[in-house]
Amino acid sequence: MTPILELAAVHAGYGPTSVLHAIDLRVEAGAIVTLLGANGAGKTTTLRAVCNMVVKTRGEIRLAGERIDGMATESIVRLGVAHVPEGRGTFESLTVEENLRLGAHVRRDFAEGFDRAYGYFPRLAERRRQQAGTLSGGEQQMLAIARALMMRPRLLLLDEPSFGLAPKIVEDIFRILAAVNRDEGTSLLLVEQNANLALGIASQAFLLETGRVVMSGPASQIAGDASVRRAYLGL
């Protein structure tokens, strides 16, 4: 089966600085894949390169077999790629519902989108008329994910969804992400510093060091590697 996402010899960087060096990566349709690595390893740049948000990029990036490298970011979104960046990126002066409407701008299917978003995140339904800037950090992360889901993406890119959140909120968010993957077949590419969480939800994992893939394989296999356990799992 054709993977939903495939990167082949992808290089990317900012100005004179190279960040990614010939990255090869695959996300099978319907899978959850996690990118692990220390700060500065290139994980966020990988997600941004998929969406053509890094000007200095070369190599092949395919979505369901179709070349998307060089496409405008908006065109990539219309093909079904949703990106939840680190820091959430909600529009704080807008209400919850107004933020969600922005997420559905490529589909214009607001009613069904609201039902799905509030079904996964009932807390947002209670706060639909509340300004996003007055939400807690956990609620803002829920809103960022719900806004991405409004467009019914084929591929969801998530950058540090647990960052700065209480453990109970993180548990709820990861449970919902697993449900989205299971119930809707949405593929996930997940960047997450909490390697235990990431490996627990993922089927495949890629380990990046200084912009290079140094290890890849089934998440259970990566989790069992002694060097990964020492460096990322604290074991």
Protein backbone atom coordinates (compact mmCIF):
# COMPACT_ATOMS: atom_id res chain seq x y z
CA MET A 1 0.00 0.00 0.00
CA THR A 2 1.26 3.51 -0.79
CA PRO A 3 2.29 5.33 2.38
CA ILE A 4 0.35 8.45 3.28
CA LEU A 5 3.65 10.31 3.68
CA GLU A 6 7.12 9.60 2.37
CA LEU A 7 10.26 11.71 2.65
CA ALA A 8 13.26 10.76 0.51
CA ALA A 9 16.67 12.41 0.95
CA VAL A 10 15.11 15.57 2.36
CA HIS A 11 17.44 18.40 3.31
CA ALA A 12 16.18 21.54 5.02
CA GLY A 13 17.55 24.54 6.82
CA TYR A 14 17.29 28.22 7.56
CA GLY A 15 19.56 30.69 5.79
CA PRO A 16 23.11 29.30 5.85
CA THR A 17 22.26 26.76 8.57
CA SER A 18 21.43 23.20 7.49
CA VAL A 19 19.14 21.34 9.90
CA LEU A 20 18.05 18.16 8.08
CA HIS A 21 20.53 16.00 6.20
CA ALA A 22 19.02 13.49 3.73
CA ILE A 23 16.07 12.44 5.90
CA ASP A 24 14.18 9.30 4.81
CA LEU A 25 10.86 8.70 6.57
CA ARG A 26 7.59 6.86 5.91
CA VAL A 27 4.16 7.07 7.52
CA GLU A 28 1.90 4.24 6.47
CA ALA A 29 -1.77 5.03 5.90
CA GLY A 30 -3.65 4.85 9.19
CA ALA A 31 -0.48 4.64 11.31
CA ILE A 32 0.84 6.68 14.20
CA VAL A 33 4.53 7.48 13.81
CA THR A 34 6.63 9.37 16.33
CA LEU A 35 9.80 11.40 15.84
CA LEU A 36 12.13 11.26 18.83
CA GLY A 37 15.28 13.24 19.48
CA ALA A 38 16.88 15.87 21.65
CA ASN A 39 16.14 19.57 21.28
CA GLY A 40 17.66 20.79 18.04
CA ALA A 41 17.64 17.37 16.39
CA GLY A 42 15.39 18.59 13.56
CA LYS A 43 12.00 17.24 14.60
CA THR A 44 10.06 20.49 14.26
CA THR A 45 11.87 21.32 11.02
CA THR A 46 10.76 17.94 9.62
CA LEU A 47 7.10 18.79 10.27
CA ARG A 48 7.53 22.26 8.83
CA ALA A 49 9.26 20.89 5.74
CA VAL A 50 6.27 18.62 5.04
CA CYS A 51 4.06 21.72 4.95
CA ASN A 52 6.60 23.69 2.88
CA MET A 53 7.14 26.13 5.75
CA VAL A 54 10.95 25.93 5.41
CA VAL A 55 12.18 27.92 2.41
CA LYS A 56 15.47 26.07 2.09
CA THR A 57 14.24 22.52 1.39
CA ARG A 58 15.20 19.93 -1.22
CA GLY A 59 14.46 16.26 -1.74
CA GLU A 60 11.19 14.42 -2.39
CA ILE A 61 8.11 14.65 -0.19
CA ARG A 62 5.08 12.64 -1.27
CA LEU A 63 1.55 12.57 0.09
CA ALA A 64 -0.23 9.35 -0.89
CA GLY A 65 2.24 9.00 -3.75
CA GLU A 66 1.88 12.59 -5.04
CA ARG A 67 4.83 14.97 -4.94
CA ILE A 68 4.04 17.91 -2.65
CA ASP A 69 7.51 19.37 -2.20
CA GLY A 70 7.45 22.86 -3.66
CA MET A 71 3.66 23.18 -3.36
CA ALA A 72 2.19 26.19 -1.56
CA THR A 73 1.36 25.48 2.07
CA GLU A 74 -2.31 26.25 1.43
CA SER A 75 -2.41 23.66 -1.36
CA ILE A 76 -0.88 21.05 0.94
CA VAL A 77 -3.54 21.82 3.54
CA ARG A 78 -6.24 21.36 0.91
CA LEU A 79 -4.82 17.92 0.14
CA GLY A 80 -5.55 16.90 3.73
CA VAL A 81 -2.51 17.77 5.86
CA ALA A 82 -3.20 19.53 9.18
CA HIS A 83 -0.41 20.90 11.37
CA VAL A 84 -0.73 21.57 15.11
CA PRO A 85 2.41 23.59 15.90
CA GLU A 86 4.25 23.81 19.19
CA GLY A 87 2.75 26.66 21.18
CA ARG A 88 -0.78 25.88 19.92
CA GLY A 89 -1.24 28.95 17.72
CA THR A 90 -4.81 29.71 18.73
CA PHE A 91 -6.28 33.13 17.97
CA GLU A 92 -6.65 34.40 21.51
CA SER A 93 -9.03 37.29 20.79
CA LEU A 94 -11.49 34.98 19.00
CA THR A 95 -13.97 32.65 20.67
CA VAL A 96 -13.60 28.89 20.68
CA GLU A 97 -16.23 28.59 17.96
CA GLU A 98 -14.62 31.26 15.80
CA ASN A 99 -11.28 29.44 16.05
CA LEU A 100 -12.97 26.23 14.95
CA ARG A 101 -14.59 27.96 11.99
CA LEU A 102 -11.14 29.02 10.80
CA GLY A 103 -10.10 25.37 10.92
CA ALA A 104 -12.93 24.42 8.57
CA HIS A 105 -12.26 27.11 6.00
CA VAL A 106 -11.15 24.58 3.37
CA ARG A 107 -14.30 22.47 3.79
CA ARG A 108 -17.04 24.92 4.81
CA ASP A 109 -18.71 22.00 6.58
CA PHE A 110 -19.23 23.73 9.90
CA ALA A 111 -22.13 21.79 11.44
CA GLU A 112 -20.58 18.35 11.03
CA GLY A 113 -17.19 19.71 12.04
CA PHE A 114 -18.54 21.21 15.24
CA ASP A 115 -20.27 17.95 16.14
CA ARG A 116 -17.04 15.99 15.68
CA ALA A 117 -14.86 18.53 17.51
CA TYR A 118 -17.21 18.80 20.46
CA GLY A 119 -17.69 15.05 20.49
CA TYR A 120 -13.97 14.55 21.05
CA PHE A 121 -13.59 17.62 23.28
CA PRO A 122 -16.85 18.21 25.20
CA ARG A 123 -15.10 20.76 27.40
CA LEU A 124 -14.80 23.02 24.36
CA ALA A 125 -18.54 22.80 23.77
CA GLU A 126 -19.06 24.25 27.26
CA ARG A 127 -16.75 27.13 26.36
CA ARG A 128 -17.76 27.69 22.74
CA ARG A 129 -18.48 31.39 23.26
CA GLN A 130 -15.44 32.00 25.46
CA GLN A 131 -12.38 33.84 24.17
CA ALA A 132 -9.55 31.41 23.44
CA GLY A 133 -7.08 33.56 25.36
CA THR A 134 -9.00 32.95 28.59
CA LEU A 135 -8.78 29.15 28.32
CA SER A 136 -6.34 27.10 30.36
CA GLY A 137 -3.22 25.76 28.63
CA GLY A 138 -4.79 22.32 28.33
CA GLU A 139 -7.98 23.72 26.85
CA GLN A 140 -5.99 25.76 24.34
CA GLN A 141 -4.16 22.61 23.24
CA MET A 142 -7.49 20.83 22.88
CA LEU A 143 -8.72 23.75 20.78
CA ALA A 144 -5.64 23.63 18.55
CA ILE A 145 -6.18 19.92 17.87
CA ALA A 146 -9.94 20.33 17.42
CA ARG A 147 -9.36 23.15 14.94
CA ALA A 148 -7.06 20.89 12.91
CA LEU A 149 -9.67 18.11 12.98
CA MET A 150 -12.32 20.46 11.57
CA MET A 151 -10.86 19.92 8.09
CA ARG A 152 -11.01 16.10 8.41
CA PRO A 153 -7.31 15.66 7.60
CA ARG A 154 -5.78 12.52 6.16
CA LEU A 155 -2.54 13.32 7.96
CA LEU A 156 -2.23 15.16 11.27
CA LEU A 157 1.17 16.61 12.24
CA LEU A 158 1.54 17.32 15.96
CA ASP A 159 4.45 19.19 17.54
CA GLU A 160 4.85 18.63 21.30
CA PRO A 161 1.16 18.32 22.21
CA SER A 162 2.01 17.56 25.87
CA PHE A 163 4.30 20.55 26.40
CA GLY A 164 3.60 22.39 29.67
CA LEU A 165 0.41 20.48 30.47
CA ALA A 166 -0.67 18.65 33.61
CA PRO A 167 -0.37 14.84 33.43
CA LYS A 168 -4.14 14.27 33.56
CA ILE A 169 -4.73 16.64 30.63
CA VAL A 170 -1.93 14.96 28.67
CA GLU A 171 -3.50 11.56 29.32
CA ASP A 172 -6.86 12.84 28.03
CA ILE A 173 -5.32 14.36 24.89
CA PHE A 174 -3.38 11.23 23.99
CA ARG A 175 -6.45 9.08 24.57
CA ILE A 176 -8.38 11.30 22.15
CA LEU A 177 -5.59 11.20 19.56
CA ALA A 178 -5.65 7.41 19.71
CA ALA A 179 -9.42 7.49 19.22
CA VAL A 180 -9.13 9.80 16.19
CA ASN A 181 -6.61 7.43 14.65
CA ARG A 182 -8.68 4.34 15.44
CA ASP A 183 -12.14 5.64 14.57
CA GLU A 184 -11.36 7.82 11.55
CA GLY A 185 -8.19 6.26 10.18
CA THR A 186 -6.36 9.58 10.44
CA SER A 187 -2.60 9.11 10.16
CA LEU A 188 -0.48 10.89 12.78
CA LEU A 189 3.11 12.10 12.70
CA LEU A 190 3.93 13.04 16.27
CA VAL A 191 6.85 15.01 17.71
CA GLU A 192 6.91 14.51 21.47
CA GLN A 193 9.58 14.99 24.13
CA ASN A 194 7.81 12.53 26.43
CA ALA A 195 9.20 9.42 24.78
CA ASN A 196 7.24 7.08 27.03
CA LEU A 197 3.97 8.63 25.87
CA ALA A 198 5.02 8.78 22.24
CA LEU A 199 6.22 5.18 22.05
CA GLY A 200 3.12 4.03 23.88
CA ILE A 201 0.77 5.41 21.23
CA ALA A 202 2.90 4.92 18.09
CA SER A 203 3.35 1.89 15.88
CA GLN A 204 6.62 3.16 14.32
CA ALA A 205 9.37 5.46 15.56
CA PHE A 206 12.25 7.40 14.05
CA LEU A 207 15.11 8.70 16.16
CA LEU A 208 16.79 11.89 14.93
CA GLU A 209 20.22 13.15 15.95
CA THR A 210 21.62 16.38 14.49
CA GLY A 211 19.27 16.23 11.52
CA ARG A 212 19.83 12.59 10.61
CA VAL A 213 17.76 9.46 11.17
CA VAL A 214 19.97 7.22 13.29
CA MET A 215 17.41 4.57 14.21
CA SER A 216 13.95 3.53 13.02
CA GLY A 217 11.60 0.61 13.44
CA PRO A 218 8.55 -0.60 15.36
CA ALA A 219 7.91 1.55 18.43
CA SER A 220 8.10 -1.48 20.72
CA GLN A 221 11.52 -2.34 19.30
CA ILE A 222 12.82 1.22 19.71
CA ALA A 223 11.46 1.33 23.26
CA GLY A 224 13.39 -1.84 24.06
CA ASP A 225 16.73 -0.53 22.80
CA ALA A 226 19.12 0.00 25.70
CA SER A 227 20.56 3.28 24.38
CA VAL A 228 17.07 4.74 23.82
CA ARG A 229 15.96 3.65 27.27
CA ARG A 230 18.92 5.39 28.88
CA ALA A 231 18.74 8.57 26.82
CA TYR A 232 14.99 9.10 26.48
CA LEU A 233 13.10 6.89 28.92
CA GLY A 234 15.22 7.48 31.99
CA LEU A 235 15.76 3.74 32.50
